[in-house]
Structures are given as C-alpha cells and as structure tokens.
PDB file of all heavy atoms in Angstrom:
ATOM      1  N   ARG A   1      -5.655 -10.886  -1.192  1.00  0.00           N
ATOM      2  CA  ARG A   1      -5.509 -10.691  -2.637  1.00  0.00           C
ATOM      3  C   ARG A   1      -4.942 -11.928  -3.303  1.00  0.00           C
ATOM      4  O   ARG A   1      -5.260 -12.250  -4.442  1.00  0.00           O
ATOM      5  CB  ARG A   1      -4.605  -9.495  -2.918  1.00  0.00           C
ATOM      6  CG  ARG A   1      -5.225  -8.176  -2.521  1.00  0.00           C
ATOM      7  CD  ARG A   1      -4.233  -7.060  -2.662  1.00  0.00           C
ATOM      8  NE  ARG A   1      -3.796  -6.931  -4.034  1.00  0.00           N
ATOM      9  CZ  ARG A   1      -2.829  -6.109  -4.424  1.00  0.00           C
ATOM     10  NH1 ARG A   1      -2.210  -5.375  -3.535  1.00  0.00           N
ATOM     11  NH2 ARG A   1      -2.483  -6.039  -5.690  1.00  0.00           N
ATOM     12  N   ALA A   2      -4.099 -12.667  -2.580  1.00  0.00           N
ATOM     13  CA  ALA A   2      -3.511 -13.864  -3.157  1.00  0.00           C
ATOM     14  C   ALA A   2      -4.537 -14.971  -3.353  1.00  0.00           C
ATOM     15  O   ALA A   2      -4.371 -15.835  -4.205  1.00  0.00           O
ATOM     16  CB  ALA A   2      -2.377 -14.367  -2.258  1.00  0.00           C
ATOM     17  N   HIS A   3      -5.617 -14.952  -2.566  1.00  0.00           N
ATOM     18  CA  HIS A   3      -6.612 -16.014  -2.649  1.00  0.00           C
ATOM     19  C   HIS A   3      -7.946 -15.557  -3.203  1.00  0.00           C
ATOM     20  O   HIS A   3      -8.848 -16.368  -3.376  1.00  0.00           O
ATOM     21  CB  HIS A   3      -6.834 -16.624  -1.261  1.00  0.00           C
ATOM     22  CG  HIS A   3      -5.624 -17.316  -0.711  1.00  0.00           C
ATOM     23  ND1 HIS A   3      -4.624 -16.641  -0.037  1.00  0.00           N
ATOM     24  CD2 HIS A   3      -5.230 -18.609  -0.767  1.00  0.00           C
ATOM     25  CE1 HIS A   3      -3.683 -17.498   0.333  1.00  0.00           C
ATOM     26  NE2 HIS A   3      -4.021 -18.693  -0.108  1.00  0.00           N
ATOM     27  N   GLN A   4      -8.112 -14.249  -3.482  1.00  0.00           N
ATOM     28  CA  GLN A   4      -9.399 -13.743  -3.942  1.00  0.00           C
ATOM     29  C   GLN A   4      -9.201 -12.805  -5.128  1.00  0.00           C
ATOM     30  O   GLN A   4      -9.582 -11.648  -5.098  1.00  0.00           O
ATOM     31  CB  GLN A   4     -10.119 -13.014  -2.806  1.00  0.00           C
ATOM     32  CG  GLN A   4     -10.345 -13.889  -1.566  1.00  0.00           C
ATOM     33  CD  GLN A   4     -11.085 -13.142  -0.488  1.00  0.00           C
ATOM     34  OE1 GLN A   4     -11.969 -12.332  -0.782  1.00  0.00           O
ATOM     35  NE2 GLN A   4     -10.744 -13.408   0.763  1.00  0.00           N
ATOM     36  N   ASP A   5      -8.536 -13.329  -6.173  1.00  0.00           N
ATOM     37  CA  ASP A   5      -8.286 -12.504  -7.357  1.00  0.00           C
ATOM     38  C   ASP A   5      -9.567 -12.089  -8.056  1.00  0.00           C
ATOM     39  O   ASP A   5      -9.588 -11.122  -8.827  1.00  0.00           O
ATOM     40  CB  ASP A   5      -7.405 -13.275  -8.351  1.00  0.00           C
ATOM     41  CG  ASP A   5      -5.996 -13.463  -7.797  1.00  0.00           C
ATOM     42  OD1 ASP A   5      -5.609 -12.675  -6.926  1.00  0.00           O
ATOM     43  OD2 ASP A   5      -5.313 -14.402  -8.256  1.00  0.00           O
ATOM     44  N   VAL A   6     -10.665 -12.817  -7.802  1.00  0.00           N
ATOM     45  CA  VAL A   6     -11.913 -12.486  -8.482  1.00  0.00           C
ATOM     46  C   VAL A   6     -12.532 -11.217  -7.921  1.00  0.00           C
ATOM     47  O   VAL A   6     -13.385 -10.601  -8.561  1.00  0.00           O
ATOM     48  CB  VAL A   6     -12.913 -13.661  -8.367  1.00  0.00           C
ATOM     49  CG1 VAL A   6     -12.392 -14.872  -9.104  1.00  0.00           C
ATOM     50  CG2 VAL A   6     -13.165 -14.002  -6.896  1.00  0.00           C
ATOM     51  N   LEU A   7     -12.127 -10.843  -6.720  1.00  0.00           N
ATOM     52  CA  LEU A   7     -12.683  -9.634  -6.124  1.00  0.00           C
ATOM     53  C   LEU A   7     -12.011  -8.400  -6.684  1.00  0.00           C
ATOM     54  O   LEU A   7     -10.866  -8.439  -7.116  1.00  0.00           O
ATOM     55  CB  LEU A   7     -12.492  -9.685  -4.600  1.00  0.00           C
ATOM     56  CG  LEU A   7     -13.187 -10.846  -3.878  1.00  0.00           C
ATOM     57  CD1 LEU A   7     -12.861 -10.778  -2.394  1.00  0.00           C
ATOM     58  CD2 LEU A   7     -14.690 -10.810  -4.111  1.00  0.00           C
ATOM     59  N   HIS A   8     -12.721  -7.313  -6.691  1.00  0.00           N
ATOM     60  CA  HIS A   8     -12.159  -6.052  -7.139  1.00  0.00           C
ATOM     61  C   HIS A   8     -11.062  -5.619  -6.189  1.00  0.00           C
ATOM     62  O   HIS A   8     -11.197  -5.690  -4.972  1.00  0.00           O
ATOM     63  CB  HIS A   8     -13.268  -4.987  -7.212  1.00  0.00           C
ATOM     64  CG  HIS A   8     -12.837  -3.755  -7.936  1.00  0.00           C
ATOM     65  ND1 HIS A   8     -12.118  -2.743  -7.342  1.00  0.00           N
ATOM     66  CD2 HIS A   8     -13.014  -3.383  -9.241  1.00  0.00           C
ATOM     67  CE1 HIS A   8     -11.866  -1.793  -8.225  1.00  0.00           C
ATOM     68  NE2 HIS A   8     -12.398  -2.151  -9.379  1.00  0.00           N
ATOM     69  N   SER A   9      -9.958  -5.138  -6.746  1.00  0.00           N
ATOM     70  CA  SER A   9      -8.793  -4.826  -5.917  1.00  0.00           C
ATOM     71  C   SER A   9      -9.099  -3.735  -4.894  1.00  0.00           C
ATOM     72  O   SER A   9      -8.580  -3.759  -3.783  1.00  0.00           O
ATOM     73  CB  SER A   9      -7.622  -4.392  -6.802  1.00  0.00           C
ATOM     74  OG  SER A   9      -7.980  -3.243  -7.556  1.00  0.00           O
ATOM     75  N   ASP A  10      -9.935  -2.773  -5.249  1.00  0.00           N
ATOM     76  CA  ASP A  10     -10.241  -1.694  -4.305  1.00  0.00           C
ATOM     77  C   ASP A  10     -10.989  -2.224  -3.081  1.00  0.00           C
ATOM     78  O   ASP A  10     -10.948  -1.614  -2.012  1.00  0.00           O
ATOM     79  CB  ASP A  10     -11.084  -0.617  -4.985  1.00  0.00           C
ATOM     80  CG  ASP A  10     -10.273   0.127  -6.035  1.00  0.00           C
ATOM     81  OD1 ASP A  10      -9.034   0.081  -5.947  1.00  0.00           O
ATOM     82  OD2 ASP A  10     -10.898   0.742  -6.922  1.00  0.00           O
ATOM     83  N   MET A  11     -11.678  -3.373  -3.246  1.00  0.00           N
ATOM     84  CA  MET A  11     -12.479  -3.904  -2.154  1.00  0.00           C
ATOM     85  C   MET A  11     -11.617  -4.603  -1.108  1.00  0.00           C
ATOM     86  O   MET A  11     -12.007  -4.722   0.045  1.00  0.00           O
ATOM     87  CB  MET A  11     -13.522  -4.892  -2.699  1.00  0.00           C
ATOM     88  CG  MET A  11     -14.560  -4.252  -3.613  1.00  0.00           C
ATOM     89  SD  MET A  11     -15.604  -5.505  -4.377  1.00  0.00           S
ATOM     90  CE  MET A  11     -16.315  -6.265  -2.941  1.00  0.00           C
ATOM     91  N   ILE A  12     -10.434  -5.077  -1.503  1.00  0.00           N
ATOM     92  CA  ILE A  12      -9.645  -5.893  -0.588  1.00  0.00           C
ATOM     93  C   ILE A  12      -8.333  -5.230  -0.206  1.00  0.00           C
ATOM     94  O   ILE A  12      -7.588  -5.758   0.595  1.00  0.00           O
ATOM     95  CB  ILE A  12      -9.355  -7.268  -1.213  1.00  0.00           C
ATOM     96  CG1 ILE A  12      -8.555  -7.101  -2.513  1.00  0.00           C
ATOM     97  CG2 ILE A  12     -10.620  -8.036  -1.489  1.00  0.00           C
ATOM     98  CD1 ILE A  12      -8.166  -8.424  -3.124  1.00  0.00           C
ATOM     99  N   HIS A  13      -8.034  -4.084  -0.777  1.00  0.00           N
ATOM    100  CA  HIS A  13      -6.783  -3.416  -0.465  1.00  0.00           C
ATOM    101  C   HIS A  13      -6.947  -2.574   0.790  1.00  0.00           C
ATOM    102  O   HIS A  13      -7.788  -1.688   0.861  1.00  0.00           O
ATOM    103  CB  HIS A  13      -6.333  -2.537  -1.632  1.00  0.00           C
ATOM    104  CG  HIS A  13      -4.912  -2.073  -1.485  1.00  0.00           C
ATOM    105  ND1 HIS A  13      -4.561  -0.993  -0.719  1.00  0.00           N
ATOM    106  CD2 HIS A  13      -3.766  -2.570  -2.006  1.00  0.00           C
ATOM    107  CE1 HIS A  13      -3.263  -0.826  -0.777  1.00  0.00           C
ATOM    108  NE2 HIS A  13      -2.752  -1.770  -1.555  1.00  0.00           N
ATOM    109  N   SER A  14      -6.113  -2.895   1.759  1.00  0.00           N
ATOM    110  CA  SER A  14      -6.221  -2.179   3.033  1.00  0.00           C
ATOM    111  C   SER A  14      -5.701  -0.759   2.914  1.00  0.00           C
ATOM    112  O   SER A  14      -4.741  -0.495   2.210  1.00  0.00           O
ATOM    113  CB  SER A  14      -5.410  -2.929   4.101  1.00  0.00           C
ATOM    114  OG  SER A  14      -5.336  -2.172   5.283  1.00  0.00           O
ATOM    115  N   LYS A  15      -6.346   0.125   3.631  1.00  0.00           N
ATOM    116  CA  LYS A  15      -5.882   1.510   3.652  1.00  0.00           C
ATOM    117  C   LYS A  15      -4.532   1.646   4.335  1.00  0.00           C
ATOM    118  O   LYS A  15      -3.825   2.618   4.143  1.00  0.00           O
ATOM    119  CB  LYS A  15      -6.914   2.385   4.377  1.00  0.00           C
ATOM    120  CG  LYS A  15      -8.230   2.524   3.627  1.00  0.00           C
ATOM    121  CD  LYS A  15      -8.023   3.232   2.295  1.00  0.00           C
ATOM    122  CE  LYS A  15      -9.343   3.457   1.571  1.00  0.00           C
ATOM    123  NZ  LYS A  15      -9.133   4.097   0.261  1.00  0.00           N
ATOM    124  N   ASN A  16      -4.173   0.652   5.145  1.00  0.00           N
ATOM    125  CA  ASN A  16      -2.907   0.701   5.853  1.00  0.00           C
ATOM    126  C   ASN A  16      -1.750   0.154   5.022  1.00  0.00           C
ATOM    127  O   ASN A  16      -0.626   0.112   5.508  1.00  0.00           O
ATOM    128  CB  ASN A  16      -3.005  -0.090   7.165  1.00  0.00           C
ATOM    129  CG  ASN A  16      -3.967   0.557   8.141  1.00  0.00           C
ATOM    130  OD1 ASN A  16      -4.010   1.783   8.250  1.00  0.00           O
ATOM    131  ND2 ASN A  16      -4.737  -0.258   8.845  1.00  0.00           N
ATOM    132  N   CYS A  17      -2.019  -0.297   3.813  1.00  0.00           N
ATOM    133  CA  CYS A  17      -0.983  -0.859   2.942  1.00  0.00           C
ATOM    134  C   CYS A  17      -0.535   0.230   1.979  1.00  0.00           C
ATOM    135  O   CYS A  17      -1.321   0.694   1.142  1.00  0.00           O
ATOM    136  CB  CYS A  17      -1.536  -2.052   2.170  1.00  0.00           C
ATOM    137  SG  CYS A  17      -0.286  -2.949   1.244  1.00  0.00           S
ATOM    138  N   PRO A  18       0.718   0.689   2.049  1.00  0.00           N
ATOM    139  CA  PRO A  18       1.151   1.806   1.188  1.00  0.00           C
ATOM    140  C   PRO A  18       1.215   1.390  -0.269  1.00  0.00           C
ATOM    141  O   PRO A  18       1.794   0.364  -0.621  1.00  0.00           O
ATOM    142  CB  PRO A  18       2.541   2.151   1.738  1.00  0.00           C
ATOM    143  CG  PRO A  18       3.020   0.895   2.378  1.00  0.00           C
ATOM    144  CD  PRO A  18       1.811   0.224   2.922  1.00  0.00           C
ATOM    145  N   ILE A  19       0.604   2.210  -1.115  1.00  0.00           N
ATOM    146  CA  ILE A  19       0.607   1.918  -2.549  1.00  0.00           C
ATOM    147  C   ILE A  19       1.675   2.707  -3.279  1.00  0.00           C
ATOM    148  O   ILE A  19       1.972   2.428  -4.437  1.00  0.00           O
ATOM    149  CB  ILE A  19      -0.773   2.216  -3.166  1.00  0.00           C
ATOM    150  CG1 ILE A  19      -1.105   3.709  -3.057  1.00  0.00           C
ATOM    151  CG2 ILE A  19      -1.843   1.357  -2.513  1.00  0.00           C
ATOM    152  CD1 ILE A  19      -2.380   4.110  -3.779  1.00  0.00           C
ATOM    153  N   ASP A  20       2.271   3.706  -2.622  1.00  0.00           N
ATOM    154  CA  ASP A  20       3.344   4.492  -3.211  1.00  0.00           C
ATOM    155  C   ASP A  20       4.064   5.236  -2.088  1.00  0.00           C
ATOM    156  O   ASP A  20       3.736   5.072  -0.897  1.00  0.00           O
ATOM    157  CB  ASP A  20       2.825   5.438  -4.293  1.00  0.00           C
ATOM    158  CG  ASP A  20       1.743   6.378  -3.781  1.00  0.00           C
ATOM    159  OD1 ASP A  20       1.668   6.592  -2.545  1.00  0.00           O
ATOM    160  OD2 ASP A  20       0.974   6.908  -4.603  1.00  0.00           O
ATOM    161  N   CYS A  21       5.009   6.045  -2.448  1.00  0.00           N
ATOM    162  CA  CYS A  21       5.775   6.763  -1.428  1.00  0.00           C
ATOM    163  C   CYS A  21       4.946   7.862  -0.755  1.00  0.00           C
ATOM    164  O   CYS A  21       5.301   8.311   0.353  1.00  0.00           O
ATOM    165  CB  CYS A  21       7.036   7.355  -2.044  1.00  0.00           C
ATOM    166  SG  CYS A  21       8.265   6.096  -2.470  1.00  0.00           S
ATOM    167  N   GLY A  22       3.892   8.286  -1.413  1.00  0.00           N
ATOM    168  CA  GLY A  22       2.985   9.239  -0.769  1.00  0.00           C
ATOM    169  C   GLY A  22       2.359   8.612   0.465  1.00  0.00           C
ATOM    170  O   GLY A  22       2.234   9.257   1.520  1.00  0.00           O
ATOM    171  N   ASP A  23       1.929   7.332   0.366  1.00  0.00           N
ATOM    172  CA  ASP A  23       1.377   6.637   1.507  1.00  0.00           C
ATOM    173  C   ASP A  23       2.429   6.429   2.588  1.00  0.00           C
ATOM    174  O   ASP A  23       2.116   6.477   3.793  1.00  0.00           O
ATOM    175  CB  ASP A  23       0.809   5.285   1.068  1.00  0.00           C
ATOM    176  CG  ASP A  23      -0.626   5.398   0.567  1.00  0.00           C
ATOM    177  OD1 ASP A  23      -1.123   6.534   0.498  1.00  0.00           O
ATOM    178  OD2 ASP A  23      -1.225   4.357   0.231  1.00  0.00           O
ATOM    179  N   ILE A  24       3.663   6.158   2.166  1.00  0.00           N
ATOM    180  CA  ILE A  24       4.755   6.037   3.149  1.00  0.00           C
ATOM    181  C   ILE A  24       4.892   7.351   3.927  1.00  0.00           C
ATOM    182  O   ILE A  24       5.051   7.358   5.155  1.00  0.00           O
ATOM    183  CB  ILE A  24       6.080   5.690   2.450  1.00  0.00           C
ATOM    184  CG1 ILE A  24       6.001   4.315   1.737  1.00  0.00           C
ATOM    185  CG2 ILE A  24       7.245   5.729   3.426  1.00  0.00           C
ATOM    186  CD1 ILE A  24       5.942   3.136   2.655  1.00  0.00           C
ATOM    187  N   TYR A  25       4.804   8.450   3.190  1.00  0.00           N
ATOM    188  CA  TYR A  25       4.884   9.783   3.830  1.00  0.00           C
ATOM    189  C   TYR A  25       3.746   9.962   4.831  1.00  0.00           C
ATOM    190  O   TYR A  25       3.945  10.418   5.960  1.00  0.00           O
ATOM    191  CB  TYR A  25       4.839  10.853   2.745  1.00  0.00           C
ATOM    192  CG  TYR A  25       4.834  12.267   3.257  1.00  0.00           C
ATOM    193  CD1 TYR A  25       6.024  12.963   3.421  1.00  0.00           C
ATOM    194  CD2 TYR A  25       3.632  12.915   3.559  1.00  0.00           C
ATOM    195  CE1 TYR A  25       6.022  14.265   3.894  1.00  0.00           C
ATOM    196  CE2 TYR A  25       3.620  14.220   4.023  1.00  0.00           C
ATOM    197  CZ  TYR A  25       4.826  14.897   4.180  1.00  0.00           C
ATOM    198  OH  TYR A  25       4.819  16.190   4.641  1.00  0.00           O
ATOM    199  N   TYR A  26       2.513   9.602   4.416  1.00  0.00           N
ATOM    200  CA  TYR A  26       1.360   9.781   5.283  1.00  0.00           C
ATOM    201  C   TYR A  26       1.415   8.870   6.513  1.00  0.00           C
ATOM    202  O   TYR A  26       0.771   9.156   7.529  1.00  0.00           O
ATOM    203  CB  TYR A  26       0.069   9.523   4.515  1.00  0.00           C
ATOM    204  CG  TYR A  26      -0.276  10.600   3.519  1.00  0.00           C
ATOM    205  CD1 TYR A  26      -0.802  10.280   2.267  1.00  0.00           C
ATOM    206  CD2 TYR A  26      -0.089  11.941   3.836  1.00  0.00           C
ATOM    207  CE1 TYR A  26      -1.129  11.267   1.361  1.00  0.00           C
ATOM    208  CE2 TYR A  26      -0.402  12.927   2.920  1.00  0.00           C
ATOM    209  CZ  TYR A  26      -0.912  12.593   1.675  1.00  0.00           C
ATOM    210  OH  TYR A  26      -1.228  13.584   0.776  1.00  0.00           O
ATOM    211  N   SER A  27       2.190   7.756   6.426  1.00  0.00           N
ATOM    212  CA  SER A  27       2.297   6.864   7.585  1.00  0.00           C
ATOM    213  C   SER A  27       3.214   7.432   8.650  1.00  0.00           C
ATOM    214  O   SER A  27       3.371   6.837   9.719  1.00  0.00           O
ATOM    215  CB  SER A  27       2.802   5.481   7.139  1.00  0.00           C
ATOM    216  OG  SER A  27       4.164   5.555   6.725  1.00  0.00           O
ATOM    217  N   GLY A  28       3.845   8.575   8.346  1.00  0.00           N
ATOM    218  CA  GLY A  28       4.692   9.229   9.319  1.00  0.00           C
ATOM    219  C   GLY A  28       6.171   9.137   9.029  1.00  0.00           C
ATOM    220  O   GLY A  28       7.000   9.674   9.771  1.00  0.00           O
ATOM    221  N   ILE A  29       6.556   8.447   7.948  1.00  0.00           N
ATOM    222  CA  ILE A  29       7.967   8.329   7.578  1.00  0.00           C
ATOM    223  C   ILE A  29       8.335   9.499   6.686  1.00  0.00           C
ATOM    224  O   ILE A  29       7.798   9.649   5.594  1.00  0.00           O
ATOM    225  CB  ILE A  29       8.243   6.988   6.878  1.00  0.00           C
ATOM    226  CG1 ILE A  29       7.921   5.823   7.814  1.00  0.00           C
ATOM    227  CG2 ILE A  29       9.696   6.903   6.420  1.00  0.00           C
ATOM    228  CD1 ILE A  29       8.040   4.463   7.176  1.00  0.00           C
ATOM    229  N   ARG A  30       9.260  10.329   7.102  1.00  0.00           N
ATOM    230  CA  ARG A  30       9.604  11.530   6.352  1.00  0.00           C
ATOM    231  C   ARG A  30      11.072  11.531   5.905  1.00  0.00           C
ATOM    232  O   ARG A  30      11.568  12.566   5.483  1.00  0.00           O
ATOM    233  CB  ARG A  30       9.340  12.779   7.217  1.00  0.00           C
ATOM    234  CG  ARG A  30       7.949  12.815   7.835  1.00  0.00           C
ATOM    235  CD  ARG A  30       6.858  12.942   6.782  1.00  0.00           C
ATOM    236  NE  ARG A  30       5.539  12.684   7.299  1.00  0.00           N
ATOM    237  CZ  ARG A  30       4.803  13.577   7.964  1.00  0.00           C
ATOM    238  NH1 ARG A  30       5.297  14.779   8.205  1.00  0.00           N
ATOM    239  NH2 ARG A  30       3.604  13.276   8.392  1.00  0.00           N
ATOM    240  N   ARG A  31      11.728  10.386   6.014  1.00  0.00           N
ATOM    241  CA  ARG A  31      13.125  10.315   5.624  1.00  0.00           C
ATOM    242  C   ARG A  31      13.252   9.584   4.295  1.00  0.00           C
ATOM    243  O   ARG A  31      12.635   8.527   4.082  1.00  0.00           O
ATOM    244  CB  ARG A  31      13.938   9.577   6.694  1.00  0.00           C
ATOM    245  CG  ARG A  31      15.418   9.404   6.352  1.00  0.00           C
ATOM    246  CD  ARG A  31      16.155   8.695   7.466  1.00  0.00           C
ATOM    247  NE  ARG A  31      16.141   9.502   8.687  1.00  0.00           N
ATOM    248  CZ  ARG A  31      16.692   9.107   9.830  1.00  0.00           C
ATOM    249  NH1 ARG A  31      17.260   7.907   9.909  1.00  0.00           N
ATOM    250  NH2 ARG A  31      16.662   9.899  10.890  1.00  0.00           N
ATOM    251  N   SER A  32      14.057  10.137   3.371  1.00  0.00           N
ATOM    252  CA  SER A  32      14.270   9.484   2.079  1.00  0.00           C
ATOM    253  C   SER A  32      14.971   8.141   2.274  1.00  0.00           C
ATOM    254  O   SER A  32      15.837   7.993   3.147  1.00  0.00           O
ATOM    255  CB  SER A  32      15.125  10.373   1.166  1.00  0.00           C
ATOM    256  OG  SER A  32      14.482  11.597   0.891  1.00  0.00           O
ATOM    257  N   GLY A  33      14.592   7.170   1.478  1.00  0.00           N
ATOM    258  CA  GLY A  33      15.200   5.839   1.571  1.00  0.00           C
ATOM    259  C   GLY A  33      14.407   4.808   0.797  1.00  0.00           C
ATOM    260  O   GLY A  33      13.453   5.133   0.082  1.00  0.00           O
ATOM    261  N   VAL A  34      14.816   3.558   0.946  1.00  0.00           N
ATOM    262  CA  VAL A  34      14.173   2.443   0.237  1.00  0.00           C
ATOM    263  C   VAL A  34      13.101   1.848   1.138  1.00  0.00           C
ATOM    264  O   VAL A  34      13.375   1.466   2.286  1.00  0.00           O
ATOM    265  CB  VAL A  34      15.212   1.369  -0.156  1.00  0.00           C
ATOM    266  CG1 VAL A  34      14.520   0.184  -0.828  1.00  0.00           C
ATOM    267  CG2 VAL A  34      16.269   1.962  -1.089  1.00  0.00           C
ATOM    268  N   TYR A  35      11.875   1.745   0.590  1.00  0.00           N
ATOM    269  CA  TYR A  35      10.749   1.208   1.337  1.00  0.00           C
ATOM    270  C   TYR A  35       9.980   0.220   0.459  1.00  0.00           C
ATOM    271  O   TYR A  35      10.193   0.143  -0.757  1.00  0.00           O
ATOM    272  CB  TYR A  35       9.821   2.331   1.809  1.00  0.00           C
ATOM    273  CG  TYR A  35      10.501   3.326   2.724  1.00  0.00           C
ATOM    274  CD1 TYR A  35      11.059   4.499   2.214  1.00  0.00           C
ATOM    275  CD2 TYR A  35      10.585   3.093   4.092  1.00  0.00           C
ATOM    276  CE1 TYR A  35      11.698   5.411   3.044  1.00  0.00           C
ATOM    277  CE2 TYR A  35      11.217   4.003   4.943  1.00  0.00           C
ATOM    278  CZ  TYR A  35      11.776   5.158   4.402  1.00  0.00           C
ATOM    279  OH  TYR A  35      12.406   6.054   5.233  1.00  0.00           O
ATOM    280  N   THR A  36       9.081  -0.528   1.113  1.00  0.00           N
ATOM    281  CA  THR A  36       8.271  -1.511   0.388  1.00  0.00           C
ATOM    282  C   THR A  36       6.855  -0.999   0.223  1.00  0.00           C
ATOM    283  O   THR A  36       6.224  -0.557   1.198  1.00  0.00           O
ATOM    284  CB  THR A  36       8.249  -2.860   1.132  1.00  0.00           C
ATOM    285  OG1 THR A  36       9.580  -3.352   1.274  1.00  0.00           O
ATOM    286  CG2 THR A  36       7.421  -3.886   0.370  1.00  0.00           C
ATOM    287  N   ILE A  37       6.353  -1.043  -0.995  1.00  0.00           N
ATOM    288  CA  ILE A  37       4.965  -0.658  -1.277  1.00  0.00           C
ATOM    289  C   ILE A  37       4.255  -1.838  -1.927  1.00  0.00           C
ATOM    290  O   ILE A  37       4.890  -2.811  -2.355  1.00  0.00           O
ATOM    291  CB  ILE A  37       4.891   0.581  -2.200  1.00  0.00           C
ATOM    292  CG1 ILE A  37       5.458   0.251  -3.597  1.00  0.00           C
ATOM    293  CG2 ILE A  37       5.636   1.756  -1.572  1.00  0.00           C
ATOM    294  CD1 ILE A  37       5.230   1.322  -4.633  1.00  0.00           C
ATOM    295  N   MET A  38       2.930  -1.745  -2.013  1.00  0.00           N
ATOM    296  CA  MET A  38       2.147  -2.766  -2.698  1.00  0.00           C
ATOM    297  C   MET A  38       1.071  -2.070  -3.524  1.00  0.00           C
ATOM    298  O   MET A  38       0.021  -1.671  -3.002  1.00  0.00           O
ATOM    299  CB  MET A  38       1.496  -3.733  -1.710  1.00  0.00           C
ATOM    300  CG  MET A  38       0.718  -4.853  -2.411  1.00  0.00           C
ATOM    301  SD  MET A  38      -0.063  -5.975  -1.226  1.00  0.00           S
ATOM    302  CE  MET A  38       1.361  -6.743  -0.502  1.00  0.00           C
ATOM    303  N   PRO A  39       1.312  -1.878  -4.819  1.00  0.00           N
ATOM    304  CA  PRO A  39       0.308  -1.214  -5.662  1.00  0.00           C
ATOM    305  C   PRO A  39      -1.028  -1.934  -5.594  1.00  0.00           C
ATOM    306  O   PRO A  39      -1.089  -3.164  -5.504  1.00  0.00           O
ATOM    307  CB  PRO A  39       0.923  -1.292  -7.062  1.00  0.00           C
ATOM    308  CG  PRO A  39       2.398  -1.389  -6.818  1.00  0.00           C
ATOM    309  CD  PRO A  39       2.524  -2.217  -5.570  1.00  0.00           C
TER     310      PRO A  39
END
C-alpha cells in the first residue's frame, strides 16, 4: 500500500491484516486490551 497508492485498497489489503477489533476477535484474541489495526 505504501508503494501502490494507485491501486484500489480492497485489491491490496490482506485478509490477515485486522481492520478493526472485530478482526482482532476473529484472529483468536478474546481479551480486552490495546491492539494495532490497519483500516
């Protein structure tokens, strides 16, 4: 994404990259806390 801004974001965003806390939950983390996401 840092080198291909011309591409559509949906095309280059990995499914393994959490976009919100819902994705953090689906990755198997079920404990409340501070995590890193990438919208």
